[in-house]
Amino acid sequence: MIAGASPSLPPLSLNAIMAGSPSQARIHEGSTSPSNARLAPLHSQLHQTYYGLDRGFVDRDIGRNDDQNAISGQSPLLQRDALDTPSELDHNSPLEFGFGMQQNSPSNETNNYYAAPVPIYISRELEPLPQRLLDNPMNLLYFHHFLTHTARVLVPFDDKHANPFRMILPQIAVKNDSLLALLLAYSACHRARILNQPEPTLRISLWLEDVFPELRKALEDKDKNFSNANLATAIMITSLEIISPTVFGYNISWQKHLSLARELITSRPTGLHGGTTNNFRDDQVSSFLWSWAAFLDVLGSLSGGRGNNTTSSSMHQTQWIFEYELDDIVDGYDEIDCVMGFTTRCIYLLAKIASLASRCDAERIDDDTHEIRPDWHPSEDVVRQAEELRQGLLNSLGCPPVPCKHIHNHGDVEKWDRRSLTATNEATHWAAMVHLYRRVLGRTAEDDADVAYALRRIFACLDLIEVGSAAESGLLLPMFTAGCEARTEADRSQILERFLVTEKVGIAKVHSARRLMQEVWRTRKPWETLVSTEFLG
């Protein structure tokens, strides 16, 4: 066990996760240019500061890239690396990271982020910028790219004044170097993918090498007085590991990272209530961290897989979120959360379904053969709980769609994409229903009218959502669920086409889910007997 680590935290996850930083030789994170002058703004306005242009140049990584000219008018090679030149990446290589080549948005913005040079404006609300950004123009470029592009693809509806990944996360990151390093790594992976370029692996490694030691230092606080930045760091480690499994350079599953994030939240004396008696939703940081962590935890638990056996059961994994349910019932229970893409009532129902499905999967699936036991039937108690959850889903579906507080307080409610988000919310509910029927009650799409009806409802919802729109970021679970149960070539073709488009529009986690779905088609086996570490949400 690590010296000084809190004894209440599980030694397995801490020893695995906090084992140290990547074994990389420390190289100066800066320019190959002899000048390392502090970056000065080119122009200041009332609400934002202009620093230069992101022209979409290739990042040739530390030691080869001219970082000091990254956002100037000069090309690092005194010539522009055209965006349509042959890529150093194999165009047929799988998108393991999950980010694709471009993103559409429902606001008819250009599909190509780099159709023209991108001006780098940083909000004055984020000033003073930390030294890491001002000392290296390439770092500032990646910070800006996260704000203006990466953050857009992380939510099903992007309001630039209300998206928490644009507004809240950067405000925490500019005051915490570890979180800032993760944000830059996230952005670098994304930018490399949309430009079809290699990821700057050495640069990313250097950013991340101090993240785990700093988090380990925070864990040594005997009072467990973890900051919001500590919690956000742990959650973002999980998110980054899900979308880029090799980014940390060693084999630690996202489930173990998620376990640490969960432990930090539950071990902090005030949890996400911030030490007040008020509704935690009144604090925009706490509300965002809850939504982000709950989404990863519940959807990760619902994904099942043998990787989850390394931690406690799903029943105990997601139990922490129910400590906040009374607050949500009082205010916001049926708002469509802008991080998750469905209502907070739905996430609580999904957590209960994940717990019950995990319990039933352990009984249904043979540990040795990974085959469904043909003689398995749910107990009367399980059937009763399933019926209560089914009714809960139907009741939830009957509630009118309402934007969440992030949109109400800071965004433009009139521009809220009601049609797409209503369809995304409904599709998630019907996907939850399929999991309930299939994994808890043991029904099949071939011989059960309820399963077939739920699948038809998912397909109907998909038809209401524009292909390539931002709302597709909330559709992975419904698409995967419907795809695995689809029996006709027409249905499979529709789902596959949607997956392939989604892989190209900047949505994470899609590639591995699509491969698993196609393996289901090939083997004709239930997906829950094949899944390993895929994240299906």
Protein backbone atom coordinates (compact mmCIF):
# COMPACT_ATOMS: atom_id res chain seq x y z
CA MET A 1 0.00 0.00 0.00
CA ILE A 2 1.19 3.51 -0.79
CA ALA A 3 2.55 5.29 2.22
CA GLY A 4 0.14 7.83 3.54
CA ALA A 5 -2.80 6.68 1.45
CA SER A 6 -6.16 6.78 3.10
CA PRO A 7 -6.97 3.35 4.59
CA SER A 8 -10.62 3.75 3.57
CA LEU A 9 -9.70 3.66 -0.10
CA PRO A 10 -9.37 0.19 -1.67
CA PRO A 11 -5.69 -0.83 -1.81
CA LEU A 12 -6.13 -2.68 -5.11
CA SER A 13 -7.33 0.33 -7.05
CA LEU A 14 -4.92 2.72 -5.36
CA ASN A 15 -1.89 0.51 -5.91
CA ALA A 16 -2.84 -0.01 -9.52
CA ILE A 17 -3.91 3.50 -10.33
CA MET A 18 -1.44 5.50 -8.30
CA ALA A 19 1.61 3.37 -9.09
CA GLY A 20 3.40 6.35 -10.56
CA SER A 21 3.84 8.38 -13.70
CA PRO A 22 4.97 7.03 -17.06
CA SER A 23 8.66 6.22 -17.21
CA GLN A 24 9.63 8.94 -19.66
CA ALA A 25 12.80 10.95 -19.60
CA ARG A 26 11.92 14.49 -18.61
CA ILE A 27 12.25 16.72 -21.66
CA HIS A 28 11.70 20.44 -21.66
CA GLU A 29 8.09 21.10 -22.59
CA GLY A 30 8.67 24.06 -24.81
CA SER A 31 9.93 25.32 -28.10
CA THR A 32 12.82 24.18 -30.27
CA SER A 33 13.24 27.88 -30.98
CA PRO A 34 15.91 29.74 -28.95
CA SER A 35 13.23 32.18 -27.86
CA ASN A 36 11.07 31.19 -24.94
CA ALA A 37 9.49 34.57 -24.39
CA ARG A 38 6.22 34.69 -22.50
CA LEU A 39 3.28 34.82 -24.92
CA ALA A 40 1.68 38.25 -25.17
CA PRO A 41 -1.89 38.87 -26.32
CA LEU A 42 -2.18 40.48 -29.74
CA HIS A 43 -5.42 42.29 -29.00
CA SER A 44 -7.69 42.67 -26.00
CA GLN A 45 -11.42 43.30 -26.09
CA LEU A 46 -13.93 43.80 -23.32
CA HIS A 47 -14.85 40.12 -23.00
CA GLN A 48 -12.04 38.23 -24.77
CA THR A 49 -8.39 38.36 -25.76
CA TYR A 50 -6.98 37.50 -29.17
CA TYR A 51 -3.69 35.55 -29.31
CA GLY A 52 -3.27 34.42 -32.92
CA LEU A 53 -4.45 31.80 -35.40
CA ASP A 54 -4.74 28.01 -35.35
CA ARG A 55 -4.11 27.16 -39.00
CA GLY A 56 -4.37 23.40 -38.60
CA PHE A 57 -0.63 22.78 -38.84
CA VAL A 58 0.63 19.30 -38.04
CA ASP A 59 1.93 18.94 -34.48
CA ARG A 60 5.23 17.16 -35.07
CA ASP A 61 5.58 16.58 -31.32
CA ILE A 62 8.15 17.74 -28.79
CA GLY A 63 11.64 18.05 -30.21
CA ARG A 64 10.48 18.44 -33.81
CA ASN A 65 7.69 21.00 -33.67
CA ASP A 66 8.29 24.75 -33.68
CA ASP A 67 5.95 25.52 -30.81
CA GLN A 68 6.81 29.21 -30.65
CA ASN A 69 5.39 29.81 -34.12
CA ALA A 70 2.35 27.55 -33.65
CA ILE A 71 -0.16 30.39 -33.59
CA SER A 72 1.75 33.02 -35.53
CA GLY A 73 1.40 33.72 -39.22
CA GLN A 74 4.37 31.50 -39.97
CA SER A 75 4.30 27.81 -40.74
CA PRO A 76 6.74 25.69 -38.73
CA LEU A 77 8.30 24.57 -42.04
CA LEU A 78 7.94 27.96 -43.79
CA GLN A 79 5.15 26.40 -45.80
CA ARG A 80 1.61 25.45 -44.98
CA ASP A 81 0.94 21.77 -44.34
CA ALA A 82 -2.19 21.54 -46.46
CA LEU A 83 -5.09 19.83 -44.76
CA ASP A 84 -5.73 17.70 -47.82
CA THR A 85 -2.23 16.30 -48.12
CA PRO A 86 -1.73 12.55 -47.53
CA SER A 87 -1.80 11.83 -43.84
CA GLU A 88 0.90 10.10 -41.85
CA LEU A 89 -1.88 7.88 -40.55
CA ASP A 90 -3.28 4.94 -42.43
CA HIS A 91 -6.73 6.08 -43.58
CA ASN A 92 -8.01 2.56 -43.03
CA SER A 93 -6.72 2.31 -39.48
CA PRO A 94 -9.39 1.91 -36.78
CA LEU A 95 -10.37 4.98 -34.81
CA GLU A 96 -9.42 3.48 -31.47
CA PHE A 97 -9.64 6.85 -29.78
CA GLY A 98 -13.15 7.30 -31.04
CA PHE A 99 -12.95 10.87 -32.27
CA GLY A 100 -13.62 11.15 -35.97
CA MET A 101 -12.81 13.50 -38.81
CA GLN A 102 -15.42 16.22 -38.58
CA GLN A 103 -18.55 17.27 -36.79
CA ASN A 104 -21.87 18.54 -37.99
CA SER A 105 -24.03 20.64 -35.75
CA PRO A 106 -27.71 21.44 -35.96
CA SER A 107 -26.91 25.13 -36.34
CA ASN A 108 -25.70 24.68 -39.95
CA GLU A 109 -22.13 25.56 -39.06
CA THR A 110 -19.44 24.42 -41.45
CA ASN A 111 -18.60 20.72 -41.20
CA ASN A 112 -14.88 21.43 -41.38
CA TYR A 113 -13.50 23.12 -38.30
CA TYR A 114 -10.39 24.08 -40.24
CA ALA A 115 -12.10 25.25 -43.43
CA ALA A 116 -10.41 28.57 -42.61
CA PRO A 117 -7.77 29.54 -40.02
CA VAL A 118 -9.33 29.55 -36.55
CA PRO A 119 -8.80 32.76 -34.54
CA ILE A 120 -7.74 32.06 -30.98
CA TYR A 121 -9.89 34.12 -28.65
CA ILE A 122 -9.83 33.35 -24.93
CA SER A 123 -12.53 34.65 -22.61
CA ARG A 124 -11.37 37.27 -20.11
CA GLU A 125 -13.24 35.26 -17.47
CA LEU A 126 -10.44 32.66 -17.65
CA GLU A 127 -7.68 35.21 -16.99
CA PRO A 128 -5.10 35.33 -15.65
CA LEU A 129 -4.03 32.35 -17.76
CA PRO A 130 -1.53 29.99 -16.10
CA GLN A 131 2.14 29.92 -17.02
CA ARG A 132 1.76 26.57 -18.81
CA LEU A 133 -0.45 28.27 -21.42
CA LEU A 134 1.40 31.57 -21.72
CA ASP A 135 4.86 30.01 -21.97
CA ASN A 136 4.01 27.72 -24.87
CA PRO A 137 1.80 28.79 -27.80
CA MET A 138 1.11 25.15 -28.70
CA ASN A 139 -0.40 24.61 -25.27
CA LEU A 140 -2.58 27.67 -25.73
CA LEU A 141 -3.66 26.34 -29.13
CA TYR A 142 -4.77 23.07 -27.56
CA PHE A 143 -6.54 24.88 -24.73
CA HIS A 144 -8.49 26.95 -27.24
CA HIS A 145 -9.26 23.87 -29.35
CA PHE A 146 -10.81 22.19 -26.32
CA LEU A 147 -12.97 25.24 -25.58
CA THR A 148 -14.25 25.69 -29.11
CA HIS A 149 -14.35 22.20 -30.60
CA THR A 150 -13.66 19.28 -28.26
CA ALA A 151 -16.19 20.54 -25.72
CA ARG A 152 -18.84 20.61 -28.47
CA VAL A 153 -18.62 16.88 -29.13
CA LEU A 154 -18.87 15.90 -25.47
CA VAL A 155 -22.50 16.93 -25.05
CA PRO A 156 -25.70 16.22 -27.00
CA PHE A 157 -26.51 19.93 -27.18
CA ASP A 158 -23.83 22.60 -27.31
CA ASP A 159 -24.81 26.02 -26.06
CA LYS A 160 -21.56 27.98 -25.99
CA HIS A 161 -22.70 29.92 -22.93
CA ALA A 162 -24.03 26.91 -21.01
CA ASN A 163 -21.98 23.85 -22.02
CA PRO A 164 -20.20 22.87 -18.77
CA PHE A 165 -17.20 21.56 -20.71
CA ARG A 166 -16.79 25.05 -22.21
CA MET A 167 -17.63 27.08 -19.14
CA ILE A 168 -17.10 25.22 -15.87
CA LEU A 169 -14.30 22.72 -16.53
CA PRO A 170 -11.85 25.29 -18.00
CA GLN A 171 -12.45 27.65 -15.07
CA ILE A 172 -11.31 24.90 -12.71
CA ALA A 173 -8.46 23.81 -15.00
CA VAL A 174 -6.75 27.21 -15.26
CA LYS A 175 -6.27 27.04 -11.49
CA ASN A 176 -5.12 23.40 -11.30
CA ASP A 177 -2.15 22.17 -13.31
CA SER A 178 -3.09 18.47 -13.24
CA LEU A 179 -6.58 19.07 -14.57
CA LEU A 180 -5.19 21.47 -17.17
CA ALA A 181 -2.74 18.78 -18.32
CA LEU A 182 -5.60 16.31 -18.80
CA LEU A 183 -7.65 18.90 -20.68
CA LEU A 184 -4.72 19.55 -23.03
CA ALA A 185 -4.19 15.82 -23.60
CA TYR A 186 -7.88 15.35 -24.34
CA SER A 187 -7.73 18.20 -26.86
CA ALA A 188 -4.53 16.96 -28.51
CA CYS A 189 -6.02 13.51 -29.11
CA HIS A 190 -9.14 15.07 -30.58
CA ARG A 191 -7.31 17.53 -32.81
CA ALA A 192 -5.05 14.80 -34.16
CA ARG A 193 -8.09 12.76 -35.13
CA ILE A 194 -10.02 15.52 -36.87
CA LEU A 195 -6.88 16.34 -38.88
CA ASN A 196 -6.12 12.63 -39.43
CA GLN A 197 -2.65 13.08 -37.94
CA PRO A 198 -0.63 11.06 -35.43
CA GLU A 199 -1.24 11.95 -31.80
CA PRO A 200 1.70 13.86 -30.25
CA THR A 201 2.45 11.03 -27.84
CA LEU A 202 5.59 12.48 -26.26
CA ARG A 203 3.90 15.82 -25.65
CA ILE A 204 0.92 14.08 -24.07
CA SER A 205 3.19 11.90 -21.93
CA LEU A 206 5.04 14.94 -20.62
CA TRP A 207 1.79 16.68 -19.78
CA LEU A 208 0.52 13.68 -17.85
CA GLU A 209 3.62 12.57 -15.98
CA ASP A 210 2.88 14.68 -12.89
CA VAL A 211 -0.86 14.04 -12.78
CA PHE A 212 -0.78 10.84 -10.73
CA PRO A 213 1.84 12.02 -8.21
CA GLU A 214 -0.17 15.17 -7.61
CA LEU A 215 -3.39 13.23 -7.18
CA ARG A 216 -1.63 10.79 -4.88
CA LYS A 217 -0.46 13.74 -2.79
CA ALA A 218 -4.06 14.94 -2.51
CA LEU A 219 -5.13 11.48 -1.35
CA GLU A 220 -2.77 11.76 1.62
CA ASP A 221 -4.97 14.41 3.20
CA LYS A 222 -6.00 12.76 6.45
CA ASP A 223 -9.21 14.80 6.54
CA LYS A 224 -10.06 13.73 2.96
CA ASN A 225 -10.67 17.36 2.13
CA PHE A 226 -10.45 16.76 -1.60
CA SER A 227 -11.02 19.81 -3.77
CA ASN A 228 -13.39 20.07 -6.70
CA ALA A 229 -10.29 20.10 -8.88
CA ASN A 230 -9.18 16.77 -7.36
CA LEU A 231 -12.60 15.27 -8.10
CA ALA A 232 -12.64 16.66 -11.63
CA THR A 233 -9.13 15.28 -12.21
CA ALA A 234 -10.15 11.77 -11.17
CA ILE A 235 -13.29 11.90 -13.31
CA MET A 236 -11.40 13.20 -16.33
CA ILE A 237 -8.75 10.48 -15.99
CA THR A 238 -11.59 7.98 -16.31
CA SER A 239 -13.08 9.75 -19.32
CA LEU A 240 -9.72 10.00 -21.07
CA GLU A 241 -8.97 6.34 -20.43
CA ILE A 242 -12.34 5.34 -21.89
CA ILE A 243 -11.77 7.18 -25.14
CA SER A 244 -8.01 6.58 -25.44
CA PRO A 245 -7.08 3.31 -23.71
CA THR A 246 -3.32 3.70 -24.29
CA VAL A 247 -2.94 7.36 -23.40
CA PHE A 248 -1.42 6.70 -19.95
CA GLY A 249 1.06 4.19 -21.31
CA TYR A 250 0.19 1.30 -19.04
CA ASN A 251 -2.64 -1.15 -18.68
CA ILE A 252 -5.07 0.16 -16.09
CA SER A 253 -8.72 -0.26 -17.02
CA TRP A 254 -11.18 2.62 -16.98
CA GLN A 255 -13.13 0.66 -14.37
CA LYS A 256 -10.27 1.08 -11.89
CA HIS A 257 -9.95 4.77 -12.65
CA LEU A 258 -13.69 5.10 -12.18
CA SER A 259 -13.44 3.31 -8.85
CA LEU A 260 -10.97 5.94 -7.67
CA ALA A 261 -13.20 8.81 -8.80
CA ARG A 262 -16.12 7.25 -6.96
CA GLU A 263 -14.03 6.81 -3.80
CA LEU A 264 -12.93 10.45 -3.83
CA ILE A 265 -16.53 11.64 -4.08
CA THR A 266 -17.85 9.33 -1.38
CA SER A 267 -14.86 9.84 0.95
CA ARG A 268 -15.07 13.62 0.99
CA PRO A 269 -17.05 14.54 4.12
CA THR A 270 -19.45 16.80 2.24
CA GLY A 271 -19.46 14.77 -0.96
CA LEU A 272 -20.72 17.04 -3.72
CA HIS A 273 -22.85 19.14 -1.40
CA GLY A 274 -20.01 21.56 -0.91
CA GLY A 275 -20.51 21.86 2.82
CA THR A 276 -23.89 23.58 2.55
CA THR A 277 -27.40 22.45 3.33
CA ASN A 278 -28.65 23.79 0.01
CA ASN A 279 -29.60 21.65 -2.96
CA PHE A 280 -26.35 20.54 -4.61
CA ARG A 281 -27.86 21.55 -7.97
CA ASP A 282 -27.66 25.17 -6.85
CA ASP A 283 -23.88 24.94 -7.15
CA GLN A 284 -22.99 24.74 -10.84
CA VAL A 285 -19.66 22.97 -10.21
CA SER A 286 -21.18 20.30 -7.97
CA SER A 287 -24.05 19.79 -10.38
CA PHE A 288 -21.66 19.34 -13.31
CA LEU A 289 -19.36 16.95 -11.45
CA TRP A 290 -22.33 14.84 -10.33
CA SER A 291 -23.76 14.59 -13.85
CA TRP A 292 -20.38 13.75 -15.36
CA ALA A 293 -19.45 11.13 -12.75
CA ALA A 294 -22.95 9.62 -12.58
CA PHE A 295 -23.10 9.26 -16.35
CA LEU A 296 -19.75 7.44 -16.50
CA ASP A 297 -20.52 5.27 -13.47
CA VAL A 298 -24.05 4.23 -14.41
CA LEU A 299 -23.42 3.71 -18.13
CA GLY A 300 -20.20 1.91 -17.30
CA SER A 301 -22.04 -0.38 -14.89
CA LEU A 302 -24.80 -0.98 -17.44
CA SER A 303 -22.13 -1.94 -19.97
CA GLY A 304 -21.33 -4.98 -17.85
CA GLY A 305 -18.31 -6.94 -19.00
CA ARG A 306 -15.70 -9.07 -17.36
CA GLY A 307 -13.66 -5.94 -16.67
CA ASN A 308 -16.22 -4.95 -14.05
CA ASN A 309 -15.45 -8.07 -12.05
CA THR A 310 -12.24 -6.46 -10.84
CA THR A 311 -14.26 -4.07 -8.73
CA SER A 312 -17.28 -4.40 -6.52
CA SER A 313 -20.64 -5.32 -8.01
CA SER A 314 -22.69 -2.76 -9.94
CA MET A 315 -25.14 -2.72 -7.04
CA HIS A 316 -22.53 -1.04 -4.86
CA GLN A 317 -20.73 0.92 -7.59
CA THR A 318 -23.57 3.31 -8.31
CA GLN A 319 -25.09 3.48 -4.85
CA TRP A 320 -23.43 6.84 -4.15
CA ILE A 321 -25.62 8.70 -6.66
CA PHE A 322 -28.77 8.01 -4.62
CA GLU A 323 -27.45 10.24 -1.84
CA TYR A 324 -28.43 13.12 -4.13
CA GLU A 325 -31.80 11.86 -5.31
CA LEU A 326 -33.89 13.78 -2.77
CA ASP A 327 -32.32 17.03 -3.99
CA ASP A 328 -33.19 16.13 -7.58
CA ILE A 329 -36.74 15.10 -6.72
CA VAL A 330 -37.27 18.53 -5.17
CA ASP A 331 -35.77 20.34 -8.16
CA GLY A 332 -34.73 19.06 -11.57
CA TYR A 333 -35.83 15.41 -11.56
CA ASP A 334 -37.30 15.58 -15.06
CA GLU A 335 -34.90 18.03 -16.68
CA ILE A 336 -32.97 16.65 -19.65
CA ASP A 337 -29.41 16.92 -18.40
CA CYS A 338 -27.14 18.65 -20.92
CA VAL A 339 -24.21 16.37 -20.06
CA MET A 340 -26.10 13.06 -20.22
CA GLY A 341 -28.75 13.77 -22.85
CA PHE A 342 -31.60 12.32 -20.80
CA THR A 343 -33.41 13.18 -17.58
CA THR A 344 -31.97 12.85 -14.11
CA ARG A 345 -34.94 10.63 -13.24
CA CYS A 346 -33.75 8.31 -16.01
CA ILE A 347 -30.18 8.05 -14.65
CA TYR A 348 -31.54 6.83 -11.30
CA LEU A 349 -33.69 4.25 -13.09
CA LEU A 350 -30.70 3.18 -15.20
CA ALA A 351 -28.62 2.75 -12.05
CA LYS A 352 -31.22 0.38 -10.60
CA ILE A 353 -31.48 -1.52 -13.88
CA ALA A 354 -27.68 -1.80 -14.07
CA SER A 355 -27.61 -3.22 -10.55
CA LEU A 356 -30.35 -5.75 -11.28
CA ALA A 357 -28.84 -6.67 -14.66
CA SER A 358 -25.45 -7.25 -13.07
CA ARG A 359 -27.01 -9.52 -10.46
CA CYS A 360 -28.91 -11.48 -13.13
CA ASP A 361 -25.95 -11.66 -15.52
CA ALA A 362 -23.93 -13.31 -12.78
CA GLU A 363 -26.60 -16.02 -12.56
CA ARG A 364 -27.47 -16.27 -16.29
CA ILE A 365 -23.95 -16.41 -17.72
CA ASP A 366 -21.73 -19.39 -17.03
CA ASP A 367 -18.35 -18.27 -15.64
CA ASP A 368 -16.40 -20.91 -17.57
CA THR A 369 -18.12 -21.02 -20.96
CA HIS A 370 -19.51 -17.46 -21.02
CA GLU A 371 -22.70 -18.93 -22.43
CA ILE A 372 -26.26 -18.23 -21.28
CA ARG A 373 -27.54 -20.96 -18.97
CA PRO A 374 -30.67 -22.28 -20.77
CA ASP A 375 -32.42 -23.24 -17.52
CA TRP A 376 -32.09 -19.81 -15.88
CA HIS A 377 -35.24 -17.96 -14.85
CA PRO A 378 -35.60 -14.79 -12.76
CA SER A 379 -36.85 -15.12 -9.22
CA GLU A 380 -40.21 -13.73 -8.15
CA ASP A 381 -38.44 -10.91 -6.34
CA VAL A 382 -36.50 -9.97 -9.49
CA VAL A 383 -39.70 -10.04 -11.56
CA ARG A 384 -41.38 -7.74 -9.03
CA GLN A 385 -38.48 -5.26 -9.09
CA ALA A 386 -38.38 -5.38 -12.88
CA GLU A 387 -42.07 -4.52 -13.10
CA GLU A 388 -41.57 -1.55 -10.78
CA LEU A 389 -38.71 -0.31 -12.95
CA ARG A 390 -40.72 -0.84 -16.13
CA GLN A 391 -43.52 1.27 -14.70
CA GLY A 392 -41.00 3.87 -13.60
CA LEU A 393 -39.65 4.14 -17.14
CA LEU A 394 -43.15 4.52 -18.58
CA ASN A 395 -43.97 7.23 -16.03
CA SER A 396 -40.74 9.01 -16.85
CA LEU A 397 -41.51 8.88 -20.57
CA GLY A 398 -44.78 10.68 -19.87
CA CYS A 399 -43.04 13.76 -18.47
CA PRO A 400 -42.69 16.78 -20.82
CA PRO A 401 -39.13 17.63 -21.93
CA VAL A 402 -37.50 20.45 -19.96
CA PRO A 403 -33.99 21.95 -20.38
CA CYS A 404 -31.62 21.63 -17.43
CA LYS A 405 -30.46 24.51 -15.23
CA HIS A 406 -27.26 25.04 -17.20
CA ILE A 407 -29.41 26.05 -20.17
CA HIS A 408 -31.96 27.98 -18.09
CA ASN A 409 -29.33 29.94 -16.17
CA HIS A 410 -26.72 30.67 -18.82
CA GLY A 411 -27.92 29.50 -22.24
CA ASP A 412 -30.52 30.31 -24.84
CA VAL A 413 -33.66 28.32 -24.07
CA GLU A 414 -35.25 29.42 -27.35
CA LYS A 415 -32.49 27.67 -29.32
CA TRP A 416 -32.60 24.49 -27.22
CA ASP A 417 -32.93 21.56 -29.64
CA ARG A 418 -36.20 20.25 -28.21
CA ARG A 419 -36.95 17.73 -30.96
CA SER A 420 -33.55 16.02 -30.97
CA LEU A 421 -33.09 15.98 -27.22
CA THR A 422 -36.62 14.69 -26.63
CA ALA A 423 -35.86 11.86 -29.06
CA THR A 424 -32.48 11.16 -27.42
CA ASN A 425 -34.14 11.04 -24.00
CA GLU A 426 -36.88 8.70 -25.23
CA ALA A 427 -34.41 6.46 -27.05
CA THR A 428 -32.42 6.04 -23.84
CA HIS A 429 -35.57 5.10 -21.92
CA TRP A 430 -36.49 2.46 -24.50
CA ALA A 431 -32.92 1.12 -24.51
CA ALA A 432 -33.19 0.80 -20.73
CA MET A 433 -36.43 -1.11 -21.26
CA VAL A 434 -34.68 -3.55 -23.61
CA HIS A 435 -31.95 -4.18 -21.03
CA LEU A 436 -34.66 -4.82 -18.45
CA TYR A 437 -36.51 -7.30 -20.67
CA ARG A 438 -33.43 -9.04 -22.00
CA ARG A 439 -30.92 -9.19 -19.16
CA VAL A 440 -33.23 -9.16 -16.14
CA LEU A 441 -36.26 -11.09 -17.39
CA GLY A 442 -34.46 -13.23 -19.97
CA ARG A 443 -36.75 -12.40 -22.89
CA THR A 444 -35.63 -12.29 -26.54
CA ALA A 445 -36.43 -10.07 -29.48
CA GLU A 446 -37.55 -13.04 -31.57
CA ASP A 447 -40.42 -14.20 -29.39
CA ASP A 448 -41.39 -11.27 -27.18
CA ALA A 449 -43.70 -8.50 -28.33
CA ASP A 450 -42.55 -6.10 -25.59
CA VAL A 451 -38.91 -6.33 -26.68
CA ALA A 452 -39.89 -5.88 -30.32
CA TYR A 453 -42.01 -2.82 -29.48
CA ALA A 454 -39.19 -1.20 -27.48
CA LEU A 455 -36.82 -1.75 -30.41
CA ARG A 456 -39.28 -0.15 -32.83
CA ARG A 457 -39.51 2.86 -30.54
CA ILE A 458 -35.71 3.24 -30.57
CA PHE A 459 -35.67 3.16 -34.38
CA ALA A 460 -38.48 5.73 -34.45
CA CYS A 461 -36.46 8.02 -32.18
CA LEU A 462 -33.38 7.65 -34.38
CA ASP A 463 -35.43 8.81 -37.36
CA LEU A 464 -36.13 12.09 -35.56
CA ILE A 465 -32.45 12.92 -35.02
CA GLU A 466 -30.44 14.41 -37.84
CA VAL A 467 -27.56 12.20 -38.96
CA GLY A 468 -24.30 13.79 -37.88
CA SER A 469 -25.91 16.15 -35.38
CA ALA A 470 -24.57 16.92 -31.93
CA ALA A 471 -27.43 14.94 -30.38
CA GLU A 472 -25.82 11.73 -31.61
CA SER A 473 -23.31 11.98 -28.76
CA GLY A 474 -26.16 10.75 -26.52
CA LEU A 475 -27.22 7.88 -28.78
CA LEU A 476 -24.50 5.26 -28.36
CA LEU A 477 -26.43 3.16 -25.82
CA PRO A 478 -29.70 3.17 -27.82
CA MET A 479 -27.90 2.52 -31.13
CA PHE A 480 -25.84 -0.32 -29.69
CA THR A 481 -28.84 -1.85 -27.92
CA ALA A 482 -31.04 -1.73 -31.02
CA GLY A 483 -28.21 -2.91 -33.25
CA CYS A 484 -27.42 -6.00 -31.19
CA GLU A 485 -31.10 -7.02 -31.19
CA ALA A 486 -31.73 -6.20 -34.86
CA ARG A 487 -32.55 -9.29 -36.92
CA THR A 488 -33.32 -7.99 -40.41
CA GLU A 489 -30.68 -6.83 -42.85
CA ALA A 490 -32.54 -3.56 -43.32
CA ASP A 491 -32.43 -2.75 -39.59
CA ARG A 492 -28.79 -3.78 -39.31
CA SER A 493 -27.84 -1.73 -42.34
CA GLN A 494 -29.56 1.34 -40.90
CA ILE A 495 -27.78 1.00 -37.57
CA LEU A 496 -24.40 0.26 -39.14
CA GLU A 497 -24.67 3.29 -41.40
CA ARG A 498 -25.48 5.42 -38.38
CA PHE A 499 -22.50 4.02 -36.49
CA LEU A 500 -20.12 4.68 -39.37
CA VAL A 501 -21.32 8.26 -39.72
CA THR A 502 -21.07 8.81 -35.98
CA GLU A 503 -17.49 7.54 -35.95
CA LYS A 504 -16.61 10.34 -38.37
CA VAL A 505 -18.27 13.24 -36.60
CA GLY A 506 -16.25 13.49 -33.43
CA ILE A 507 -18.17 11.14 -31.12
CA ALA A 508 -16.10 9.10 -28.69
CA LYS A 509 -16.27 5.40 -27.79
CA VAL A 510 -18.14 4.43 -30.96
CA HIS A 511 -15.57 2.27 -32.73
CA SER A 512 -15.24 -0.46 -30.09
CA ALA A 513 -19.02 -0.59 -29.58
CA ARG A 514 -19.54 -1.00 -33.31
CA ARG A 515 -17.00 -3.81 -33.48
CA LEU A 516 -18.71 -5.59 -30.59
CA MET A 517 -22.10 -5.20 -32.28
CA GLN A 518 -20.76 -6.72 -35.49
CA GLU A 519 -19.26 -9.58 -33.49
CA VAL A 520 -22.76 -10.22 -32.12
CA TRP A 521 -24.06 -10.43 -35.69
CA ARG A 522 -21.23 -12.76 -36.71
CA THR A 523 -21.43 -15.16 -33.75
CA ARG A 524 -25.19 -14.84 -33.03
CA LYS A 525 -24.33 -14.68 -29.34
CA PRO A 526 -25.79 -12.19 -26.83
CA TRP A 527 -23.54 -9.17 -26.48
CA GLU A 528 -23.30 -9.53 -22.71
CA THR A 529 -21.45 -12.82 -23.18
CA LEU A 530 -18.87 -11.15 -25.46
CA VAL A 531 -18.29 -7.76 -23.86
CA SER A 532 -15.03 -7.19 -22.04
CA THR A 533 -14.00 -3.60 -21.35
CA GLU A 534 -16.10 -1.74 -23.91
CA PHE A 535 -17.94 1.33 -22.68
CA LEU A 536 -21.37 1.38 -24.29
CA GLY A 537 -22.63 4.82 -23.33
